[in-house]
Amino acid sequence: MARGNQREKAREKTQKEAAQQKKKNTQSGTEFARTKEAQAAIMRQKQETANAKKAAEAAKKK
């Protein structure tokens, strides 16, 4: 029975370590800023298309 417990403890430990690795930010400051700006540009584009679609729908209804 002790072996099963040891295996379980080792599994918990590796899961905890893997979770810690996922949390770490591997990008430098400039890389992070660049990706953040790129994501913001994508969101702006999506918002513009959504607003254009809403305006077209509103124009159709009138």
C-alpha atoms as a PDB file:
ATOM      1  CA  MET A   1       0.000   0.000   0.000  1.00  0.00           C
ATOM      2  CA  ALA A   2       2.864   2.367   0.669  1.00  0.00           C
ATOM      3  CA  ARG A   3       3.904   2.275  -2.955  1.00  0.00           C
ATOM      4  CA  GLY A   4       0.499   3.403  -4.149  1.00  0.00           C
ATOM      5  CA  ASN A   5       0.650   6.345  -1.771  1.00  0.00           C
ATOM      6  CA  GLN A   6       4.155   7.215  -2.941  1.00  0.00           C
ATOM      7  CA  ARG A   7       3.000   7.137  -6.547  1.00  0.00           C
ATOM      8  CA  GLU A   8       0.049   9.370  -5.705  1.00  0.00           C
ATOM      9  CA  LYS A   9       2.266  11.871  -3.869  1.00  0.00           C
ATOM     10  CA  ALA A  10       4.694  11.994  -6.803  1.00  0.00           C
ATOM     11  CA  ARG A  11       1.815  12.582  -9.218  1.00  0.00           C
ATOM     12  CA  GLU A  12       0.489  15.442  -7.071  1.00  0.00           C
ATOM     13  CA  LYS A  13       3.955  16.979  -6.896  1.00  0.00           C
ATOM     14  CA  THR A  14       4.465  16.876 -10.660  1.00  0.00           C
ATOM     15  CA  GLN A  15       1.008  18.330 -11.262  1.00  0.00           C
ATOM     16  CA  LYS A  16       1.782  21.180  -8.888  1.00  0.00           C
ATOM     17  CA  GLU A  17       5.098  21.865 -10.640  1.00  0.00           C
ATOM     18  CA  ALA A  18       3.415  21.794 -14.058  1.00  0.00           C
ATOM     19  CA  ALA A  19       0.813  24.289 -12.847  1.00  0.00           C
ATOM     20  CA  GLN A  20       3.571  26.601 -11.618  1.00  0.00           C
ATOM     21  CA  GLN A  21       5.289  26.416 -15.010  1.00  0.00           C
ATOM     22  CA  LYS A  22       2.076  27.437 -16.771  1.00  0.00           C
ATOM     23  CA  LYS A  23       1.731  30.507 -14.563  1.00  0.00           C
ATOM     24  CA  LYS A  24       5.168  31.864 -15.379  1.00  0.00           C
ATOM     25  CA  ASN A  25       5.449  34.658 -17.912  1.00  0.00           C
ATOM     26  CA  THR A  26       8.186  33.691 -20.334  1.00  0.00           C
ATOM     27  CA  GLN A  27       8.090  36.901 -22.366  1.00  0.00           C
ATOM     28  CA  SER A  28      10.310  39.898 -21.761  1.00  0.00           C
ATOM     29  CA  GLY A  29       8.803  43.336 -21.276  1.00  0.00           C
ATOM     30  CA  THR A  30       9.075  44.382 -24.913  1.00  0.00           C
ATOM     31  CA  GLU A  31       7.759  41.049 -26.194  1.00  0.00           C
ATOM     32  CA  PHE A  32       4.813  41.262 -23.828  1.00  0.00           C
ATOM     33  CA  ALA A  33       4.044  44.831 -24.909  1.00  0.00           C
ATOM     34  CA  ARG A  34       4.261  43.846 -28.576  1.00  0.00           C
ATOM     35  CA  THR A  35       1.871  40.913 -28.209  1.00  0.00           C
ATOM     36  CA  LYS A  36      -0.482  43.004 -26.079  1.00  0.00           C
ATOM     37  CA  GLU A  37      -0.574  45.698 -28.770  1.00  0.00           C
ATOM     38  CA  ALA A  38      -1.142  43.104 -31.505  1.00  0.00           C
ATOM     39  CA  GLN A  39      -4.039  41.601 -29.560  1.00  0.00           C
ATOM     40  CA  ALA A  40      -5.489  45.072 -28.997  1.00  0.00           C
ATOM     41  CA  ALA A  41      -5.302  45.791 -32.736  1.00  0.00           C
ATOM     42  CA  ILE A  42      -7.147  42.555 -33.489  1.00  0.00           C
ATOM     43  CA  MET A  43      -9.859  43.446 -30.979  1.00  0.00           C
ATOM     44  CA  ARG A  44     -10.189  46.954 -32.446  1.00  0.00           C
ATOM     45  CA  GLN A  45     -10.659  45.433 -35.895  1.00  0.00           C
ATOM     46  CA  LYS A  46     -13.322  43.056 -34.575  1.00  0.00           C
ATOM     47  CA  GLN A  47     -15.130  45.933 -32.872  1.00  0.00           C
ATOM     48  CA  GLU A  48     -15.079  48.009 -36.062  1.00  0.00           C
ATOM     49  CA  THR A  49     -16.581  45.166 -38.092  1.00  0.00           C
ATOM     50  CA  ALA A  50     -19.224  44.555 -35.417  1.00  0.00           C
ATOM     51  CA  ASN A  51     -20.141  48.247 -35.368  1.00  0.00           C
ATOM     52  CA  ALA A  52     -20.352  48.325 -39.168  1.00  0.00           C
ATOM     53  CA  LYS A  53     -22.606  45.266 -39.105  1.00  0.00           C
ATOM     54  CA  LYS A  54     -24.842  46.878 -36.473  1.00  0.00           C
ATOM     55  CA  ALA A  55     -25.062  50.073 -38.532  1.00  0.00           C
ATOM     56  CA  ALA A  56     -26.007  48.078 -41.626  1.00  0.00           C
ATOM     57  CA  GLU A  57     -28.708  46.215 -39.700  1.00  0.00           C
ATOM     58  CA  ALA A  58     -30.067  49.484 -38.317  1.00  0.00           C
ATOM     59  CA  ALA A  59     -30.131  51.007 -41.812  1.00  0.00           C
ATOM     60  CA  LYS A  60     -32.063  48.002 -43.142  1.00  0.00           C
ATOM     61  CA  LYS A  61     -34.720  48.305 -40.447  1.00  0.00           C
ATOM     62  CA  LYS A  62     -35.438  51.968 -41.208  1.00  0.00           C
END
